[in-house]
Protein backbone atom coordinates (compact mmCIF):
# COMPACT_ATOMS: atom_id res chain seq x y z
CA MET A 1 -16.96 -4.72 -38.73
CA PRO A 2 -18.00 -7.95 -36.93
CA ARG A 3 -18.04 -11.01 -39.14
CA ARG A 4 -20.46 -13.92 -39.16
CA PRO A 5 -19.65 -16.31 -36.24
CA ARG A 6 -17.25 -19.10 -37.11
CA LYS A 7 -14.78 -21.13 -35.10
CA ILE A 8 -11.84 -18.93 -34.20
CA THR A 9 -8.55 -20.41 -35.35
CA LYS A 10 -5.07 -19.01 -35.75
CA ALA A 11 -5.74 -18.50 -39.46
CA VAL A 12 -8.89 -16.51 -38.66
CA VAL A 13 -7.02 -14.37 -36.16
CA ASP A 14 -4.12 -13.71 -38.54
CA ALA A 15 -6.50 -12.70 -41.32
CA LEU A 16 -8.16 -9.94 -39.29
CA GLN A 17 -7.57 -6.34 -40.34
CA PRO A 18 -7.36 -3.37 -37.90
CA GLY A 19 -10.82 -2.56 -36.60
CA GLU A 20 -12.34 -5.97 -37.44
CA LEU A 21 -14.03 -8.21 -34.84
CA ALA A 22 -14.63 -11.95 -35.21
CA TRP A 23 -17.05 -14.00 -33.08
CA ASP A 24 -16.55 -17.64 -32.18
CA ALA A 25 -19.17 -20.13 -33.38
CA ASP A 26 -18.46 -22.64 -30.57
CA VAL A 27 -18.56 -20.35 -27.50
CA LYS A 28 -21.19 -17.64 -27.67
CA GLY A 29 -19.76 -14.33 -26.49
CA LEU A 30 -16.12 -15.10 -27.27
CA GLY A 31 -14.57 -12.74 -29.80
CA VAL A 32 -11.25 -11.50 -31.06
CA ARG A 33 -10.68 -7.86 -31.97
CA CYS A 34 -7.91 -6.59 -34.21
CA GLN A 35 -6.42 -3.38 -32.88
CA ARG A 36 -3.76 -1.28 -34.54
CA ARG A 37 -0.92 -3.51 -33.28
CA ASP A 38 -2.46 -6.38 -31.34
CA ARG A 39 -5.26 -8.91 -31.65
CA VAL A 40 -7.14 -9.24 -28.36
CA TYR A 41 -9.52 -11.94 -27.11
CA VAL A 42 -12.67 -10.65 -25.41
CA VAL A 43 -15.87 -11.99 -23.87
CA LYS A 44 -19.20 -10.16 -24.08
CA TYR A 45 -21.97 -11.01 -21.62
CA ARG A 46 -24.82 -9.44 -19.66
CA SER A 47 -24.82 -9.00 -15.88
CA GLN A 48 -27.69 -7.45 -13.93
CA GLY A 49 -29.26 -6.29 -17.16
CA ARG A 50 -26.13 -4.51 -18.38
CA GLN A 51 -23.77 -5.47 -21.20
CA ARG A 52 -20.22 -6.19 -20.06
CA TRP A 53 -16.91 -6.68 -21.87
CA TYR A 54 -14.14 -8.76 -20.35
CA THR A 55 -10.64 -8.68 -21.88
CA ILE A 56 -8.92 -12.06 -21.76
CA GLY A 57 -5.59 -11.04 -23.25
CA LYS A 58 -3.51 -10.49 -26.37
CA HIS A 59 -3.16 -13.18 -29.01
CA GLY A 60 0.19 -14.89 -28.66
CA SER A 61 1.98 -16.46 -25.72
CA PRO A 62 0.18 -17.55 -23.64
CA TRP A 63 -3.18 -16.92 -25.34
CA THR A 64 -4.04 -19.18 -28.26
CA PRO A 65 -7.56 -19.61 -29.71
CA GLU A 66 -8.01 -22.84 -27.71
CA LEU A 67 -6.83 -21.38 -24.40
CA ALA A 68 -8.95 -18.28 -24.97
CA ARG A 69 -11.98 -20.53 -25.64
CA ARG A 70 -11.33 -22.40 -22.38
CA GLU A 71 -10.98 -19.16 -20.42
CA ALA A 72 -14.17 -17.78 -21.99
CA LYS A 73 -16.08 -20.87 -20.78
CA ARG A 74 -14.77 -20.28 -17.24
CA ILE A 75 -15.79 -16.62 -17.31
CA LEU A 76 -19.26 -17.38 -18.64
CA GLY A 77 -19.61 -20.04 -15.93
CA LEU A 78 -19.02 -17.34 -13.29
CA VAL A 79 -21.64 -15.20 -14.97
CA ALA A 80 -24.11 -18.08 -14.80
CA GLU A 81 -23.45 -18.19 -11.01
CA GLY A 82 -24.49 -14.55 -10.73
CA LYS A 83 -20.98 -13.12 -10.55
CA ASP A 84 -19.52 -10.28 -12.60
CA PRO A 85 -15.91 -11.10 -13.61
CA ALA A 86 -15.33 -7.69 -15.20
CA ASP A 87 -16.33 -5.89 -12.01
CA LYS A 88 -14.11 -8.14 -9.90
CA LYS A 89 -11.20 -7.54 -12.25
CA ARG A 90 -11.68 -3.80 -11.96
CA LYS A 91 -11.70 -4.01 -8.14
CA ASP A 92 -8.62 -6.22 -8.14
CA ARG A 93 -6.75 -3.63 -10.18
CA SER A 94 -7.68 -0.88 -7.73
CA ALA A 95 -6.82 -2.97 -4.65
CA PRO A 96 -3.58 -1.84 -2.98
CA THR A 97 -0.50 -3.98 -2.77
CA ILE A 98 0.84 -5.08 0.60
CA SER A 99 3.74 -2.68 0.09
CA ALA A 100 1.38 0.28 -0.44
CA LEU A 101 -0.83 -0.77 2.49
CA ALA A 102 2.19 -1.08 4.79
CA GLU A 103 3.37 2.44 3.94
CA ARG A 104 -0.08 3.92 4.54
CA PHE A 105 -0.40 1.95 7.80
CA LEU A 106 2.91 3.35 9.03
CA GLU A 107 2.28 6.98 8.13
CA GLU A 108 -1.47 7.30 8.75
CA HIS A 109 -1.84 5.06 11.80
CA VAL A 110 1.41 4.15 13.57
CA ALA A 111 3.10 7.54 13.24
CA ALA A 112 -0.02 9.28 14.53
CA LYS A 113 -0.98 6.96 17.40
CA ALA A 114 2.04 4.88 18.49
CA LYS A 115 5.28 5.71 20.23
CA ASP A 116 8.47 6.40 18.28
CA ARG A 117 9.99 3.09 19.34
CA THR A 118 6.96 1.19 18.02
CA TYR A 119 7.14 3.08 14.73
CA THR A 120 10.85 2.28 14.38
CA GLU A 121 10.31 -1.42 15.10
CA TYR A 122 7.36 -1.69 12.69
CA ARG A 123 9.28 0.05 9.91
CA ARG A 124 12.24 -2.26 10.46
CA LEU A 125 10.02 -5.36 10.12
CA ILE A 126 8.24 -3.94 7.07
CA GLU A 127 11.43 -2.98 5.23
CA ARG A 128 13.35 -6.16 6.10
CA VAL A 129 10.59 -8.77 5.83
CA VAL A 130 7.09 -7.68 4.78
CA THR A 131 7.97 -5.75 1.62
CA PRO A 132 10.52 -8.25 0.23
CA GLU A 133 8.31 -11.28 0.99
CA LEU A 134 4.76 -10.03 0.35
CA GLY A 135 5.09 -6.51 -1.03
CA ARG A 136 3.95 -7.22 -4.62
CA LEU A 137 0.82 -9.15 -3.64
CA LYS A 138 -2.56 -7.42 -3.66
CA VAL A 139 -4.19 -7.19 -0.25
CA ASP A 140 -7.08 -9.40 -1.35
CA GLU A 141 -4.69 -12.04 -2.71
CA VAL A 142 -3.01 -12.85 0.61
CA ARG A 143 -4.20 -16.11 2.17
CA SER A 144 -3.60 -17.76 5.54
CA SER A 145 -1.25 -20.19 3.82
CA ASP A 146 0.98 -17.25 2.80
CA ILE A 147 1.14 -16.00 6.39
CA GLU A 148 1.82 -19.49 7.76
CA LYS A 149 4.62 -20.04 5.24
CA LEU A 150 6.24 -16.71 6.14
CA HIS A 151 5.84 -17.39 9.88
CA LEU A 152 7.49 -20.79 9.51
CA LYS A 153 10.38 -19.29 7.54
CA PHE A 154 11.46 -17.37 10.65
CA ARG A 155 11.05 -20.24 13.11
CA ALA A 156 14.71 -19.87 14.15
CA THR A 157 13.73 -16.54 15.76
CA PRO A 158 10.29 -17.31 17.26
CA TYR A 159 9.90 -13.95 18.97
CA GLN A 160 10.42 -12.04 15.71
CA ALA A 161 8.21 -14.49 13.80
CA ASN A 162 5.34 -13.90 16.24
CA ARG A 163 5.79 -10.12 16.18
CA LEU A 164 5.69 -10.28 12.38
CA VAL A 165 2.30 -12.03 12.37
CA ALA A 166 0.99 -9.57 14.96
CA LEU A 167 2.07 -6.65 12.76
CA LEU A 168 0.44 -8.11 9.64
CA SER A 169 -2.75 -8.79 11.58
CA LYS A 170 -2.93 -5.15 12.69
CA MET A 171 -2.35 -4.02 9.11
CA PHE A 172 -5.21 -6.14 7.73
CA ASN A 173 -7.59 -5.07 10.49
CA TRP A 174 -6.74 -1.42 9.90
CA SER A 175 -7.10 -1.58 6.11
CA GLY A 176 -10.87 -2.12 6.31
CA ARG A 177 -10.83 -3.19 2.64
CA ARG A 178 -10.96 -6.95 3.02
CA GLY A 179 -14.31 -8.58 2.37
CA GLU A 180 -13.13 -11.76 4.06
CA ARG A 181 -11.59 -12.56 7.40
CA ASN A 182 -8.11 -11.53 8.45
CA PRO A 183 -5.68 -14.13 6.98
CA CYS A 184 -3.59 -13.99 10.17
CA ILE A 185 -6.43 -15.45 12.24
CA GLY A 186 -5.71 -19.05 13.08
CA VAL A 187 -1.95 -18.88 12.51
CA GLU A 188 -0.54 -20.64 15.56
CA ARG A 189 2.26 -18.70 17.24
CA PHE A 190 5.56 -20.23 18.31
CA ALA A 191 6.16 -20.80 22.01
CA GLU A 192 8.34 -18.07 23.49
CA GLN A 193 10.72 -18.73 26.36
CA LYS A 194 10.66 -15.76 28.72
CA ARG A 195 14.24 -14.86 29.59
CA ARG A 196 14.97 -14.30 33.27
CA ARG A 197 18.57 -13.26 33.83
CA TYR A 198 19.61 -11.62 37.07
CA LEU A 199 23.08 -10.52 38.06
CA SER A 200 24.51 -12.21 41.12
CA SER A 201 26.35 -10.26 43.81
CA ALA A 202 29.67 -11.37 42.32
CA GLU A 203 28.60 -10.28 38.82
CA LEU A 204 27.46 -6.89 40.13
CA THR A 205 30.85 -6.46 41.77
CA ARG A 206 32.62 -7.27 38.49
CA LEU A 207 30.33 -4.89 36.62
CA GLY A 208 31.15 -2.10 39.06
CA ALA A 209 34.87 -2.72 38.63
CA ALA A 210 34.48 -2.75 34.82
CA LEU A 211 32.71 0.61 34.89
CA ILE A 212 35.47 2.12 37.06
CA ARG A 213 38.10 0.78 34.66
CA ALA A 214 36.20 2.08 31.61
CA GLU A 215 36.00 5.48 33.27
CA GLU A 216 39.59 5.67 34.45
CA GLU A 217 41.12 4.35 31.22
CA ARG A 218 38.70 6.39 29.10
CA LEU A 219 37.55 3.31 27.22
CA THR A 220 34.22 5.01 26.59
CA SER A 221 32.39 8.27 27.26
CA PRO A 222 31.71 9.15 30.93
CA TYR A 223 28.09 9.65 29.94
CA VAL A 224 27.92 6.04 28.75
CA VAL A 225 29.18 4.90 32.16
CA ALA A 226 26.66 7.19 33.84
CA ALA A 227 23.83 5.77 31.71
CA ILE A 228 24.70 2.18 32.68
CA ARG A 229 24.92 3.10 36.36
CA LEU A 230 21.54 4.84 36.18
CA LEU A 231 20.03 1.71 34.64
CA VAL A 232 21.40 -0.29 37.60
CA PHE A 233 20.40 2.20 40.30
CA THR A 234 16.88 3.01 39.03
CA GLY A 235 15.63 -0.12 37.26
CA ALA A 236 14.38 2.22 34.51
CA ARG A 237 13.97 1.16 30.90
CA LEU A 238 16.76 1.90 28.46
CA THR A 239 14.77 4.48 26.45
CA GLU A 240 13.72 6.23 29.66
CA ILE A 241 17.36 6.86 30.58
CA LEU A 242 18.59 7.69 27.08
CA THR A 243 15.82 10.26 26.53
CA LEU A 244 15.94 11.65 30.09
CA ARG A 245 16.05 15.46 30.10
CA TRP A 246 17.40 17.61 32.93
CA ASP A 247 14.01 19.26 33.34
CA HIS A 248 12.65 15.81 34.27
CA VAL A 249 15.10 15.57 37.19
CA ASP A 250 13.94 16.77 40.63
CA LEU A 251 16.97 16.23 42.88
CA GLU A 252 15.40 18.08 45.81
CA ARG A 253 12.56 15.56 46.03
CA GLY A 254 14.59 12.68 44.64
CA LEU A 255 12.39 12.02 41.60
CA LEU A 256 12.45 11.63 37.84
CA ASN A 257 9.18 12.97 36.44
CA LEU A 258 8.84 11.28 33.05
CA SER A 259 6.11 12.78 30.91
CA ASP A 260 6.05 9.69 28.72
CA SER A 261 7.17 6.08 28.96
CA LYS A 262 6.04 2.67 27.74
CA THR A 263 3.15 2.79 30.21
CA GLY A 264 2.50 6.56 30.04
CA ALA A 265 3.53 9.26 32.51
CA LYS A 266 5.75 7.81 35.22
CA THR A 267 7.62 8.78 38.39
CA VAL A 268 10.99 7.16 39.09
CA TYR A 269 12.13 7.31 42.73
CA LEU A 270 15.84 8.01 43.10
CA ASN A 271 17.95 6.30 45.75
CA SER A 272 20.98 8.03 47.23
CA ALA A 273 23.39 6.46 44.70
CA ALA A 274 21.33 7.73 41.76
CA ARG A 275 20.94 11.19 43.32
CA GLU A 276 24.69 11.49 43.92
CA LEU A 277 25.44 10.41 40.35
CA LEU A 278 23.05 13.00 38.88
CA THR A 279 24.38 15.68 41.22
CA THR A 280 27.97 15.22 40.07
CA LEU A 281 27.27 14.52 36.37
CA PRO A 282 28.31 17.53 34.22
CA ARG A 283 25.59 19.27 32.24
CA LEU A 284 26.24 20.41 28.69
CA GLN A 285 25.04 23.97 28.13
CA ASP A 286 23.78 23.31 24.62
CA ASN A 287 22.14 19.95 25.37
CA PRO A 288 18.97 19.37 27.44
CA PHE A 289 19.59 15.62 27.83
CA VAL A 290 21.21 13.93 30.81
CA VAL A 291 22.99 11.46 28.51
CA PRO A 292 24.07 13.57 25.52
CA GLY A 293 25.00 12.05 22.19
CA GLU A 294 27.64 13.08 19.68
CA ARG A 295 25.29 15.42 17.81
CA ILE A 296 24.68 18.84 19.34
CA GLY A 297 21.42 19.01 21.25
CA ARG A 298 20.64 15.28 20.84
CA HIS A 299 20.69 12.36 23.26
CA LEU A 300 22.78 9.20 23.02
CA VAL A 301 21.11 6.80 20.58
CA ASN A 302 23.01 3.52 20.82
CA LEU A 303 24.32 2.10 24.07
CA GLU A 304 24.74 -1.46 22.79
CA LYS A 305 28.24 -1.11 21.34
CA PRO A 306 29.90 0.36 24.47
CA TRP A 307 27.87 -2.03 26.63
CA ARG A 308 29.40 -5.01 24.83
CA LYS A 309 32.85 -3.66 25.72
CA VAL A 310 31.91 -3.17 29.39
CA ARG A 311 30.31 -6.58 29.81
CA GLU A 312 33.35 -8.22 28.19
CA ILE A 313 35.56 -6.64 30.86
CA ALA A 314 33.07 -7.70 33.55
CA GLN A 315 32.96 -11.27 32.16
CA ILE A 316 29.17 -11.27 31.81
CA PRO A 317 28.84 -11.82 28.03
CA ASP A 318 25.21 -13.01 28.12
CA VAL A 319 23.80 -10.05 30.06
CA ARG A 320 21.60 -7.60 28.16
CA LEU A 321 21.00 -4.01 29.17
CA HIS A 322 17.40 -4.91 30.00
CA ASP A 323 18.69 -7.53 32.44
CA LEU A 324 19.89 -4.66 34.64
CA ARG A 325 16.22 -3.81 35.17
CA HIS A 326 15.52 -7.43 36.11
CA SER A 327 18.43 -7.32 38.55
CA PHE A 328 17.04 -4.19 40.22
CA ALA A 329 13.77 -6.04 40.79
CA SER A 330 15.49 -9.20 42.00
CA ILE A 331 17.39 -7.24 44.67
CA GLY A 332 14.10 -5.75 45.85
CA ALA A 333 12.48 -9.17 46.03
CA GLY A 334 15.54 -10.60 47.76
CA VAL A 335 15.33 -8.12 50.66
CA GLY A 336 11.65 -8.87 51.18
CA LEU A 337 9.90 -6.03 49.36
CA GLY A 338 6.37 -6.91 48.28
CA LEU A 339 5.54 -7.36 44.62
CA PRO A 340 3.20 -4.32 44.55
CA ILE A 341 6.06 -2.12 45.78
CA ILE A 342 8.47 -3.55 43.19
CA GLY A 343 5.86 -3.08 40.47
CA ALA A 344 5.35 0.55 41.50
CA LEU A 345 9.10 1.21 41.44
CA LEU A 346 9.43 -0.30 37.97
CA GLY A 347 6.31 1.40 36.63
CA HIS A 348 4.49 -1.79 35.70
CA ALA A 349 0.97 -1.19 34.43
CA HIS A 350 -0.19 -4.72 35.33
CA SER A 351 0.53 -6.83 38.39
CA ALA A 352 1.01 -9.88 36.16
CA THR A 353 4.20 -8.27 34.81
CA THR A 354 5.67 -8.12 38.32
CA ALA A 355 4.58 -11.67 39.14
CA ARG A 356 7.66 -13.07 37.37
CA TYR A 357 9.64 -12.08 40.49
CA ALA A 358 7.38 -14.01 42.87
CA HIS A 359 9.82 -16.90 43.27
CA LEU A 360 12.52 -14.44 44.31
CA ALA A 361 10.26 -12.81 46.86
CA ALA A 362 9.91 -16.18 48.62
CA ASP A 363 13.67 -16.45 49.23
CA PRO A 364 13.74 -14.30 52.39
CA LEU A 365 10.89 -16.37 53.85
CA GLN A 366 12.86 -19.54 53.16
CA GLN A 367 15.90 -18.02 54.84
CA ALA A 368 13.82 -17.03 57.86
CA ALA A 369 12.33 -20.53 58.08
CA ASP A 370 15.82 -22.05 57.93
CA LEU A 371 17.05 -19.74 60.68
CA ILE A 372 14.13 -20.63 62.98
CA GLY A 373 14.57 -24.31 62.16
CA ARG A 374 18.26 -24.24 63.15
CA ARG A 375 17.41 -22.57 66.47
CA LEU A 376 14.67 -25.09 67.23
CA GLU A 377 16.88 -27.97 66.22
CA ALA A 378 19.62 -26.77 68.54
CA ALA A 379 17.14 -26.40 71.40
CA LEU A 380 15.70 -29.89 70.92
CA LEU A 381 18.98 -31.73 70.46
CA GLY A 382 20.95 -29.81 73.03
CA PRO A 383 24.54 -28.61 72.85
């Protein structure tokens, strides 16, 4: 039974019997209820014509009568501003954590609408960074300062730091549960230095010799060597070669008809070197892939480890597999092919992507100008 209001003290709280409720004389609405095991501080108020109960917490650390009185004043102040603390508390409890949101985002959105490579990369970032750093926070608790702090933590790898913010931004936009703006908006990204590495003629020669040695000395699988050569000869992306199926190969017309790639369906035009390689490459009866892996019926998954061995032999330790694609384009630009042609060969969706090779395309013009200049100079100055 509720008692007559009096100032709640520790002695008053300790004297309560199970089922009794005491009201505070100083702060109207503050009470303490004795349950079977615990004594709990509560606040009773009215919001929008309805009676509400707000539970502050159990008596004991940290809640003392004085702290409970202070918290009750704060809650009643929110009520006076037209807010409903009990309703907000209920919504906060039902709000998902970042960890739960990330899992739903992966399975309901990314898995259904993105490519496998995107799904793999997002899951890697979520498992390695997002969940350990932000996973326990409620979605509505995350602020821009949290994102900025996390972004800054990975400043040593600016590309990954920027991709992390982009992923979080997509997650918040997709959730549709935030009543405020996306906390990733306004987080300034790190500057990214675009890498442009092309193999010189001498490096290509050393790479060719390294592949012959790897093949002859059986340092790696012949299909690994074939995959690297196809990357050089076609300028295709790594995943396009690793997932290439024999039914995509049209040797009669000299084409690879890819049903899916980073930019959608794509045709890769085969030169004579690529056609000869594919003609002589053995096909495994129980495997539909051009570059088979160790598991029956599956394609090769990881080319990085054998590539490190090959590039060590070729003395090109800083060259990535993707740089072979850049080198294909640089050769095209070096012999005077136009950027639209190079872009079409590489399967670029936007001309801006091919524009990075513009400075290479100018080299033949410079050579031609030098040749004409030498002839004119000889004519003017005489023998």
